[in-house]
C-alpha atoms as a PDB file:
ATOM      1  CA  MET A   1     -28.031  -1.877 -10.817  1.00  0.00           C
ATOM      2  CA  LYS A   2     -24.413  -0.995  -9.986  1.00  0.00           C
ATOM      3  CA  ASP A   3     -24.116   0.535  -6.532  1.00  0.00           C
ATOM      4  CA  LYS A   4     -20.578   1.156  -5.337  1.00  0.00           C
ATOM      5  CA  TYR A   5     -21.819   1.845  -1.792  1.00  0.00           C
ATOM      6  CA  SER A   6     -23.234  -1.646  -1.318  1.00  0.00           C
ATOM      7  CA  ALA A   7     -20.364  -3.358  -3.169  1.00  0.00           C
ATOM      8  CA  VAL A   8     -17.591  -5.302  -1.449  1.00  0.00           C
ATOM      9  CA  TRP A   9     -14.323  -3.396  -2.034  1.00  0.00           C
ATOM     10  CA  VAL A  10     -11.137  -5.447  -2.120  1.00  0.00           C
ATOM     11  CA  SER A  11      -7.497  -4.387  -2.470  1.00  0.00           C
ATOM     12  CA  HIS A  12      -4.071  -5.986  -2.251  1.00  0.00           C
ATOM     13  CA  SER A  13      -3.741  -5.074   1.442  1.00  0.00           C
ATOM     14  CA  SER A  14      -7.256  -6.195   2.440  1.00  0.00           C
ATOM     15  CA  MET A  15      -6.979  -9.538   0.628  1.00  0.00           C
ATOM     16  CA  SER A  16      -3.507 -10.078   2.123  1.00  0.00           C
ATOM     17  CA  ASP A  17      -5.038  -9.435   5.554  1.00  0.00           C
ATOM     18  CA  TYR A  18      -7.731 -12.027   4.848  1.00  0.00           C
ATOM     19  CA  LEU A  19      -5.260 -14.664   3.632  1.00  0.00           C
ATOM     20  CA  LYS A  20      -3.091 -14.149   6.720  1.00  0.00           C
ATOM     21  CA  CYS A  21      -6.028 -14.267   9.149  1.00  0.00           C
ATOM     22  CA  PRO A  22      -9.780 -13.601   8.686  1.00  0.00           C
ATOM     23  CA  ARG A  23      -9.926 -12.066  12.187  1.00  0.00           C
ATOM     24  CA  ALA A  24      -7.123  -9.619  11.292  1.00  0.00           C
ATOM     25  CA  TYR A  25      -9.065  -8.755   8.122  1.00  0.00           C
ATOM     26  CA  PHE A  26     -12.160  -8.008  10.229  1.00  0.00           C
ATOM     27  CA  LEU A  27     -10.303  -5.837  12.740  1.00  0.00           C
ATOM     28  CA  ARG A  28      -8.487  -3.846  10.081  1.00  0.00           C
ATOM     29  CA  ASN A  29     -11.188  -3.537   7.402  1.00  0.00           C
ATOM     30  CA  VAL A  30     -14.632  -3.949   9.026  1.00  0.00           C
ATOM     31  CA  TYR A  31     -14.486  -3.188  12.754  1.00  0.00           C
ATOM     32  CA  ARG A  32     -15.178   0.355  13.977  1.00  0.00           C
ATOM     33  CA  ASP A  33     -14.544   1.605  17.495  1.00  0.00           C
ATOM     34  CA  PRO A  34     -18.006   1.903  19.143  1.00  0.00           C
ATOM     35  CA  LYS A  35     -16.982   5.214  20.784  1.00  0.00           C
ATOM     36  CA  THR A  36     -15.489   7.037  17.768  1.00  0.00           C
ATOM     37  CA  HIS A  37     -17.082   5.030  14.912  1.00  0.00           C
ATOM     38  CA  HIS A  38     -13.635   5.087  13.248  1.00  0.00           C
ATOM     39  CA  LYS A  39     -11.697   2.163  11.862  1.00  0.00           C
ATOM     40  CA  ILE A  40      -8.491   1.306  13.738  1.00  0.00           C
ATOM     41  CA  SER A  41      -4.910   1.189  12.526  1.00  0.00           C
ATOM     42  CA  LEU A  42      -1.643   0.154  14.127  1.00  0.00           C
ATOM     43  CA  MET A  43       1.606   2.060  13.545  1.00  0.00           C
ATOM     44  CA  ALA A  44       5.079   0.528  13.846  1.00  0.00           C
ATOM     45  CA  PRO A  45       8.572   1.851  12.985  1.00  0.00           C
ATOM     46  CA  ALA A  46       8.950  -0.076   9.706  1.00  0.00           C
ATOM     47  CA  LEU A  47       5.534   1.165   8.585  1.00  0.00           C
ATOM     48  CA  ALA A  48       6.409   4.764   9.519  1.00  0.00           C
ATOM     49  CA  LEU A  49       9.622   4.518   7.489  1.00  0.00           C
ATOM     50  CA  GLY A  50       7.840   3.103   4.427  1.00  0.00           C
ATOM     51  CA  GLN A  51       5.075   5.695   4.641  1.00  0.00           C
ATOM     52  CA  ALA A  52       7.497   8.647   4.757  1.00  0.00           C
ATOM     53  CA  VAL A  53       9.749   7.406   1.928  1.00  0.00           C
ATOM     54  CA  HIS A  54       6.763   6.562  -0.309  1.00  0.00           C
ATOM     55  CA  GLU A  55       5.161   9.962   0.253  1.00  0.00           C
ATOM     56  CA  VAL A  56       8.327  11.819  -0.809  1.00  0.00           C
ATOM     57  CA  ILE A  57       8.975   9.731  -3.940  1.00  0.00           C
ATOM     58  CA  GLU A  58       5.362   9.507  -5.095  1.00  0.00           C
ATOM     59  CA  SER A  59       4.921  13.295  -4.785  1.00  0.00           C
ATOM     60  CA  LEU A  60       7.363  13.668  -7.710  1.00  0.00           C
ATOM     61  CA  SER A  61       4.972  12.088 -10.219  1.00  0.00           C
ATOM     62  CA  THR A  62       2.696  15.149 -10.167  1.00  0.00           C
ATOM     63  CA  LEU A  63       5.564  17.523 -11.046  1.00  0.00           C
ATOM     64  CA  PRO A  64       6.940  18.293 -14.526  1.00  0.00           C
ATOM     65  CA  ILE A  65      10.231  16.402 -15.117  1.00  0.00           C
ATOM     66  CA  GLU A  66      12.367  19.562 -14.997  1.00  0.00           C
ATOM     67  CA  LYS A  67      10.962  20.539 -11.565  1.00  0.00           C
ATOM     68  CA  ARG A  68      11.117  17.161  -9.822  1.00  0.00           C
ATOM     69  CA  PHE A  69      14.553  17.621  -8.301  1.00  0.00           C
ATOM     70  CA  GLU A  70      14.483  21.417  -7.938  1.00  0.00           C
ATOM     71  CA  ASP A  71      13.761  21.262  -4.212  1.00  0.00           C
ATOM     72  CA  SER A  72      15.881  19.083  -1.937  1.00  0.00           C
ATOM     73  CA  LEU A  73      14.226  15.690  -1.457  1.00  0.00           C
ATOM     74  CA  LEU A  74      16.086  15.323   1.847  1.00  0.00           C
ATOM     75  CA  VAL A  75      14.514  18.530   3.144  1.00  0.00           C
ATOM     76  CA  LYS A  76      11.139  17.262   1.916  1.00  0.00           C
ATOM     77  CA  PHE A  77      11.806  13.931   3.689  1.00  0.00           C
ATOM     78  CA  ASP A  78      12.606  15.693   6.989  1.00  0.00           C
ATOM     79  CA  ARG A  79       9.355  17.638   6.666  1.00  0.00           C
ATOM     80  CA  VAL A  80       7.292  14.500   5.951  1.00  0.00           C
ATOM     81  CA  TRP A  81       9.052  12.654   8.800  1.00  0.00           C
ATOM     82  CA  GLU A  82       7.459  15.052  11.300  1.00  0.00           C
ATOM     83  CA  LYS A  83       4.148  13.227  10.698  1.00  0.00           C
ATOM     84  CA  VAL A  84       5.606   9.970  12.067  1.00  0.00           C
ATOM     85  CA  SER A  85       8.109  11.325  14.579  1.00  0.00           C
ATOM     86  CA  GLY A  86       8.142  10.073  18.179  1.00  0.00           C
ATOM     87  CA  LYS A  87       5.158   8.111  19.471  1.00  0.00           C
ATOM     88  CA  LYS A  88       3.208   8.706  16.234  1.00  0.00           C
ATOM     89  CA  GLY A  89       5.636   6.357  14.464  1.00  0.00           C
ATOM     90  CA  GLY A  90       5.648   3.744  17.207  1.00  0.00           C
ATOM     91  CA  PHE A  91       9.287   4.452  18.127  1.00  0.00           C
ATOM     92  CA  ALA A  92      10.438   3.232  21.535  1.00  0.00           C
ATOM     93  CA  ASP A  93      12.975   6.059  21.964  1.00  0.00           C
ATOM     94  CA  ALA A  94      14.965   8.724  20.105  1.00  0.00           C
ATOM     95  CA  ASP A  95      17.789   6.293  19.236  1.00  0.00           C
ATOM     96  CA  GLN A  96      15.432   3.863  17.520  1.00  0.00           C
ATOM     97  CA  GLU A  97      13.773   6.708  15.638  1.00  0.00           C
ATOM     98  CA  GLU A  98      17.167   8.034  14.465  1.00  0.00           C
ATOM     99  CA  THR A  99      18.126   4.560  13.170  1.00  0.00           C
ATOM    100  CA  TYR A 100      14.975   4.364  11.041  1.00  0.00           C
ATOM    101  CA  LYS A 101      15.191   7.976   9.912  1.00  0.00           C
ATOM    102  CA  SER A 102      18.811   7.453   8.787  1.00  0.00           C
ATOM    103  CA  ARG A 103      17.699   4.436   6.751  1.00  0.00           C
ATOM    104  CA  GLY A 104      15.033   6.592   5.128  1.00  0.00           C
ATOM    105  CA  ARG A 105      17.539   9.313   4.258  1.00  0.00           C
ATOM    106  CA  GLU A 106      19.849   6.688   2.722  1.00  0.00           C
ATOM    107  CA  MET A 107      16.973   5.497   0.491  1.00  0.00           C
ATOM    108  CA  ILE A 108      16.189   9.054  -0.614  1.00  0.00           C
ATOM    109  CA  LYS A 109      19.897   9.623  -1.397  1.00  0.00           C
ATOM    110  CA  ARG A 110      20.011   6.397  -3.424  1.00  0.00           C
ATOM    111  CA  VAL A 111      17.039   7.570  -5.504  1.00  0.00           C
ATOM    112  CA  LEU A 112      18.610  11.014  -5.949  1.00  0.00           C
ATOM    113  CA  ASP A 113      21.879   9.495  -7.186  1.00  0.00           C
ATOM    114  CA  ASN A 114      20.075   6.968  -9.430  1.00  0.00           C
ATOM    115  CA  PRO A 115      16.694   8.468 -10.444  1.00  0.00           C
ATOM    116  CA  GLY A 116      16.095   5.895 -13.228  1.00  0.00           C
ATOM    117  CA  PRO A 117      12.364   5.948 -14.147  1.00  0.00           C
ATOM    118  CA  LEU A 118      11.783   8.993 -11.903  1.00  0.00           C
ATOM    119  CA  LYS A 119      13.404  11.252 -14.501  1.00  0.00           C
ATOM    120  CA  ASN A 120      11.004  10.047 -17.222  1.00  0.00           C
ATOM    121  CA  LYS A 121       7.423  11.075 -17.928  1.00  0.00           C
ATOM    122  CA  ALA A 122       4.835   9.617 -15.565  1.00  0.00           C
ATOM    123  CA  ILE A 123       1.130   8.905 -15.988  1.00  0.00           C
ATOM    124  CA  LYS A 124      -1.208   9.823 -13.148  1.00  0.00           C
ATOM    125  CA  ILE A 125      -4.505   7.921 -12.893  1.00  0.00           C
ATOM    126  CA  ARG A 126      -7.204  10.562 -12.428  1.00  0.00           C
ATOM    127  CA  GLN A 127      -9.134   8.795  -9.652  1.00  0.00           C
ATOM    128  CA  GLU A 128      -7.861   9.566  -6.159  1.00  0.00           C
ATOM    129  CA  LEU A 129      -8.332   5.883  -5.352  1.00  0.00           C
ATOM    130  CA  PRO A 130      -8.202   3.916  -8.638  1.00  0.00           C
ATOM    131  CA  TYR A 131     -10.916   1.240  -8.798  1.00  0.00           C
ATOM    132  CA  TYR A 132     -13.014  -0.767 -11.247  1.00  0.00           C
ATOM    133  CA  TRP A 133     -15.773  -3.360 -11.092  1.00  0.00           C
ATOM    134  CA  LEU A 134     -14.054  -6.735 -10.781  1.00  0.00           C
ATOM    135  CA  SER A 135     -17.532  -8.303 -11.069  1.00  0.00           C
ATOM    136  CA  GLU A 136     -20.852  -6.511 -11.368  1.00  0.00           C
ATOM    137  CA  GLU A 137     -22.652  -9.830 -10.932  1.00  0.00           C
ATOM    138  CA  GLU A 138     -20.850 -10.519  -7.613  1.00  0.00           C
ATOM    139  CA  ASN A 139     -20.965  -6.806  -6.651  1.00  0.00           C
ATOM    140  CA  ILE A 140     -17.189  -6.664  -6.074  1.00  0.00           C
ATOM    141  CA  ILE A 141     -14.883  -3.690  -6.732  1.00  0.00           C
ATOM    142  CA  LEU A 142     -11.089  -3.926  -6.941  1.00  0.00           C
ATOM    143  CA  CYS A 143      -9.175  -0.846  -5.785  1.00  0.00           C
ATOM    144  CA  GLY A 144      -5.640   0.232  -5.002  1.00  0.00           C
ATOM    145  CA  LYS A 145      -2.953   2.884  -5.489  1.00  0.00           C
ATOM    146  CA  ILE A 146      -0.029   2.181  -7.797  1.00  0.00           C
ATOM    147  CA  ASP A 147       3.261   3.764  -6.670  1.00  0.00           C
ATOM    148  CA  TRP A 148       4.449   4.932 -10.107  1.00  0.00           C
ATOM    149  CA  LEU A 149       3.389   4.585 -13.758  1.00  0.00           C
ATOM    150  CA  GLU A 150       6.298   5.367 -16.069  1.00  0.00           C
ATOM    151  CA  TYR A 151       5.281   6.523 -19.542  1.00  0.00           C
ATOM    152  CA  VAL A 152       7.129   4.765 -22.399  1.00  0.00           C
ATOM    153  CA  GLU A 153       6.974   7.140 -25.340  1.00  0.00           C
ATOM    154  CA  SER A 154       8.305   4.753 -28.003  1.00  0.00           C
ATOM    155  CA  THR A 155       5.384   2.322 -27.503  1.00  0.00           C
ATOM    156  CA  ASP A 156       2.807   4.741 -25.992  1.00  0.00           C
ATOM    157  CA  SER A 157       2.541   2.357 -23.039  1.00  0.00           C
ATOM    158  CA  VAL A 158       3.108   2.390 -19.259  1.00  0.00           C
ATOM    159  CA  ARG A 159       5.412   0.506 -16.913  1.00  0.00           C
ATOM    160  CA  ILE A 160       4.408  -0.158 -13.311  1.00  0.00           C
ATOM    161  CA  VAL A 161       7.070   0.614 -10.700  1.00  0.00           C
ATOM    162  CA  ASP A 162       6.487  -0.500  -7.102  1.00  0.00           C
ATOM    163  CA  PHE A 163       8.866   0.892  -4.462  1.00  0.00           C
ATOM    164  CA  LYS A 164       9.961  -1.448  -1.680  1.00  0.00           C
ATOM    165  CA  THR A 165      11.407  -0.086   1.562  1.00  0.00           C
ATOM    166  CA  GLY A 166      11.491  -3.340   3.568  1.00  0.00           C
ATOM    167  CA  LYS A 167      14.416  -5.724   3.994  1.00  0.00           C
ATOM    168  CA  PHE A 168      12.799  -8.753   2.361  1.00  0.00           C
ATOM    169  CA  ASP A 169      11.903  -9.542  -1.248  1.00  0.00           C
ATOM    170  CA  GLU A 170       8.230  -9.751  -2.195  1.00  0.00           C
ATOM    171  CA  ASP A 171       6.870 -13.315  -2.249  1.00  0.00           C
ATOM    172  CA  PRO A 172       6.818 -14.593  -5.880  1.00  0.00           C
ATOM    173  CA  ASP A 173       3.190 -15.702  -5.263  1.00  0.00           C
ATOM    174  CA  SER A 174       2.155 -12.254  -4.030  1.00  0.00           C
ATOM    175  CA  LEU A 175      -1.015 -10.799  -5.525  1.00  0.00           C
ATOM    176  CA  GLN A 176       0.499  -7.322  -5.630  1.00  0.00           C
ATOM    177  CA  LEU A 177       1.724  -7.151  -9.240  1.00  0.00           C
ATOM    178  CA  PRO A 178      -1.291  -9.022 -10.671  1.00  0.00           C
ATOM    179  CA  ILE A 179      -3.593  -6.538  -8.871  1.00  0.00           C
ATOM    180  CA  TYR A 180      -1.602  -3.501 -10.019  1.00  0.00           C
ATOM    181  CA  TYR A 181      -1.579  -4.913 -13.542  1.00  0.00           C
ATOM    182  CA  LEU A 182      -5.373  -5.282 -13.473  1.00  0.00           C
ATOM    183  CA  LEU A 183      -5.856  -1.765 -12.075  1.00  0.00           C
ATOM    184  CA  ALA A 184      -3.467  -0.183 -14.592  1.00  0.00           C
ATOM    185  CA  SER A 185      -5.176  -2.064 -17.419  1.00  0.00           C
ATOM    186  CA  HIS A 186      -8.689  -0.946 -16.405  1.00  0.00           C
ATOM    187  CA  CYS A 187      -8.136   2.543 -14.923  1.00  0.00           C
ATOM    188  CA  GLN A 188      -6.188   4.216 -17.743  1.00  0.00           C
ATOM    189  CA  ASN A 189      -6.103   3.842 -21.532  1.00  0.00           C
ATOM    190  CA  ARG A 190      -2.534   2.809 -22.372  1.00  0.00           C
ATOM    191  CA  PRO A 191      -1.321  -0.806 -22.509  1.00  0.00           C
ATOM    192  CA  VAL A 192       0.963  -2.046 -19.712  1.00  0.00           C
ATOM    193  CA  SER A 193       4.352  -3.014 -21.170  1.00  0.00           C
ATOM    194  CA  GLY A 194       6.267  -3.812 -17.986  1.00  0.00           C
ATOM    195  CA  VAL A 195       6.200  -4.303 -14.211  1.00  0.00           C
ATOM    196  CA  MET A 196       9.076  -3.682 -11.787  1.00  0.00           C
ATOM    197  CA  TYR A 197       9.939  -3.829  -8.102  1.00  0.00           C
ATOM    198  CA  TRP A 198      12.466  -1.286  -6.864  1.00  0.00           C
ATOM    199  CA  TYR A 199      14.093  -2.350  -3.577  1.00  0.00           C
ATOM    200  CA  ILE A 200      15.344   1.126  -2.745  1.00  0.00           C
ATOM    201  CA  ASN A 201      16.892   0.068   0.551  1.00  0.00           C
ATOM    202  CA  ARG A 202      19.633  -1.710  -1.469  1.00  0.00           C
ATOM    203  CA  ASP A 203      19.254  -1.457  -5.282  1.00  0.00           C
ATOM    204  CA  THR A 204      20.166   1.449  -7.560  1.00  0.00           C
ATOM    205  CA  GLU A 205      17.605   0.421 -10.172  1.00  0.00           C
ATOM    206  CA  PRO A 206      14.291  -1.463 -10.389  1.00  0.00           C
ATOM    207  CA  GLN A 207      14.150  -5.223 -10.958  1.00  0.00           C
ATOM    208  CA  VAL A 208      12.092  -6.187 -13.999  1.00  0.00           C
ATOM    209  CA  GLN A 209       9.415  -8.815 -13.246  1.00  0.00           C
ATOM    210  CA  ASP A 210       7.488 -11.092 -15.603  1.00  0.00           C
ATOM    211  CA  LEU A 211       4.311  -9.480 -16.904  1.00  0.00           C
ATOM    212  CA  PRO A 212       1.374 -11.317 -15.272  1.00  0.00           C
ATOM    213  CA  ASP A 213      -1.253 -13.074 -17.392  1.00  0.00           C
ATOM    214  CA  LEU A 214      -4.322 -10.800 -17.339  1.00  0.00           C
ATOM    215  CA  LYS A 215      -6.965 -13.574 -17.422  1.00  0.00           C
ATOM    216  CA  LYS A 216      -5.207 -15.731 -14.806  1.00  0.00           C
ATOM    217  CA  SER A 217      -4.679 -12.673 -12.597  1.00  0.00           C
ATOM    218  CA  GLU A 218      -8.385 -11.833 -12.765  1.00  0.00           C
ATOM    219  CA  GLU A 219      -9.344 -15.438 -11.914  1.00  0.00           C
ATOM    220  CA  ARG A 220      -6.919 -15.578  -8.964  1.00  0.00           C
ATOM    221  CA  VAL A 221      -8.036 -12.254  -7.530  1.00  0.00           C
ATOM    222  CA  MET A 222     -11.707 -13.120  -8.090  1.00  0.00           C
ATOM    223  CA  GLU A 223     -11.394 -16.408  -6.214  1.00  0.00           C
ATOM    224  CA  ILE A 224     -10.016 -14.681  -3.092  1.00  0.00           C
ATOM    225  CA  ALA A 225     -12.404 -11.720  -3.409  1.00  0.00           C
ATOM    226  CA  LYS A 226     -15.373 -14.138  -3.380  1.00  0.00           C
ATOM    227  CA  ARG A 227     -14.043 -15.738  -0.192  1.00  0.00           C
ATOM    228  CA  VAL A 228     -13.824 -12.275   1.405  1.00  0.00           C
ATOM    229  CA  LYS A 229     -17.381 -11.492   0.281  1.00  0.00           C
ATOM    230  CA  LEU A 230     -18.680 -14.781   1.710  1.00  0.00           C
ATOM    231  CA  ALA A 231     -16.984 -14.094   5.072  1.00  0.00           C
ATOM    232  CA  ARG A 232     -18.614 -10.659   5.153  1.00  0.00           C
ATOM    233  CA  THR A 233     -22.030 -12.085   4.217  1.00  0.00           C
ATOM    234  CA  LEU A 234     -21.803 -14.763   6.938  1.00  0.00           C
ATOM    235  CA  GLU A 235     -20.065 -12.340   9.330  1.00  0.00           C
ATOM    236  CA  ARG A 236     -17.590 -15.119  10.039  1.00  0.00           C
ATOM    237  CA  PHE A 237     -14.020 -13.977  10.697  1.00  0.00           C
ATOM    238  CA  VAL A 238     -12.253 -16.609  12.777  1.00  0.00           C
ATOM    239  CA  CYS A 239      -8.513 -16.854  13.419  1.00  0.00           C
ATOM    240  CA  LYS A 240      -7.128 -20.323  12.656  1.00  0.00           C
ATOM    241  CA  SER A 241      -5.150 -20.259  15.911  1.00  0.00           C
ATOM    242  CA  LYS A 242      -6.930 -20.783  19.245  1.00  0.00           C
ATOM    243  CA  ASP A 243      -4.879 -18.071  20.997  1.00  0.00           C
ATOM    244  CA  GLY A 244      -4.742 -15.639  18.097  1.00  0.00           C
ATOM    245  CA  CYS A 245      -1.883 -15.216  15.614  1.00  0.00           C
ATOM    246  CA  ASN A 246       0.794 -12.610  14.831  1.00  0.00           C
ATOM    247  CA  ALA A 247      -1.589 -10.915  12.379  1.00  0.00           C
ATOM    248  CA  CYS A 248      -4.618 -10.455  14.664  1.00  0.00           C
ATOM    249  CA  ARG A 249      -3.072 -10.343  18.160  1.00  0.00           C
ATOM    250  CA  PRO A 250      -1.662  -6.770  17.894  1.00  0.00           C
ATOM    251  CA  LEU A 251      -5.023  -5.478  16.567  1.00  0.00           C
ATOM    252  CA  GLU A 252      -6.857  -7.378  19.313  1.00  0.00           C
ATOM    253  CA  ALA A 253      -4.726  -5.426  21.825  1.00  0.00           C
ATOM    254  CA  ILE A 254      -6.286  -2.182  20.531  1.00  0.00           C
ATOM    255  CA  VAL A 255      -9.820  -3.524  21.057  1.00  0.00           C
ATOM    256  CA  LEU A 256      -8.865  -4.680  24.579  1.00  0.00           C
ATOM    257  CA  GLY A 257      -7.587  -1.179  25.448  1.00  0.00           C
ATOM    258  CA  LYS A 258      -3.943  -2.299  25.669  1.00  0.00           C
ATOM    259  CA  ALA A 259      -2.588   0.075  22.990  1.00  0.00           C
ATOM    260  CA  THR A 260      -1.826   3.809  23.064  1.00  0.00           C
ATOM    261  CA  PHE A 261      -3.898   6.193  20.931  1.00  0.00           C
ATOM    262  CA  VAL A 262      -1.671   8.667  19.044  1.00  0.00           C
ATOM    263  CA  GLY A 263      -4.146  10.482  16.766  1.00  0.00           C
ATOM    264  CA  LEU A 264      -5.845  10.068  13.409  1.00  0.00           C
ATOM    265  CA  ASN A 265      -4.045   8.928  10.257  1.00  0.00           C
ATOM    266  CA  ASP A 266      -4.514  10.367   6.736  1.00  0.00           C
ATOM    267  CA  PHE A 267      -7.535   8.080   6.200  1.00  0.00           C
ATOM    268  CA  GLY A 268      -9.370   9.275   9.326  1.00  0.00           C
ATOM    269  CA  GLN A 269      -8.649   6.032  11.195  1.00  0.00           C
ATOM    270  CA  ASP A 270      -7.780   5.927  14.897  1.00  0.00           C
ATOM    271  CA  LEU A 271      -4.039   5.334  15.047  1.00  0.00           C
ATOM    272  CA  TYR A 272      -2.482   3.286  17.861  1.00  0.00           C
ATOM    273  CA  VAL A 273       0.941   2.041  18.905  1.00  0.00           C
ATOM    274  CA  LEU A 274       1.792  -0.881  21.162  1.00  0.00           C
END
């Protein structure tokens, strides 16, 4: 019988963690602080910037088209920034914070000047966290949030738009678009007619990507998901490096009491900065 509480849940971020380092996967996705019983999370300036920009842009999808740009997005950004200001965002000092905040404002301005898909109808998946059974037999669920689903009226289809706030392009072998494609195909009724990355730190419009192959995507994701499930079953999460790696070392610092607690994040996790 299907039981989502005993299932292994996998997402793009959790599988990326596992591929980088099984120990990092454990610390981010399994481990709970014995004192608080909360999961742990590490905040850093680049993450704070991405979080704030995403929150502002994604909030537009719930509004009717004519109301999306009624209120100033820059004012909204300043309001959202308060959540990550100072230590909460992992900033070393006010100058560093101002540098990142200015970058965020530039991104919001770029989107305002070139709204592209943001001025078209959007589809909102009803689940708060979209998920579906990747395999009932293996008891594995695939979940994840898609940044934006643009509705294409002429074909009654949707296009996936993923906003990028970092400086580097997504790896061509990344699982992100295949996973979003699978989620969009299973969690709403319209066909997916396109996928795009929008590097809003530099581009005025999204870059169209090749549509992934649905069957190959499922096979690829399934293969990694089964490895994650096996690690959880065996409770074996070992870093490949003897002294830890860049993925697990910062999280290990939290466990060793070498990080600063700054509060809870939106997911109820204990948030730390180094």
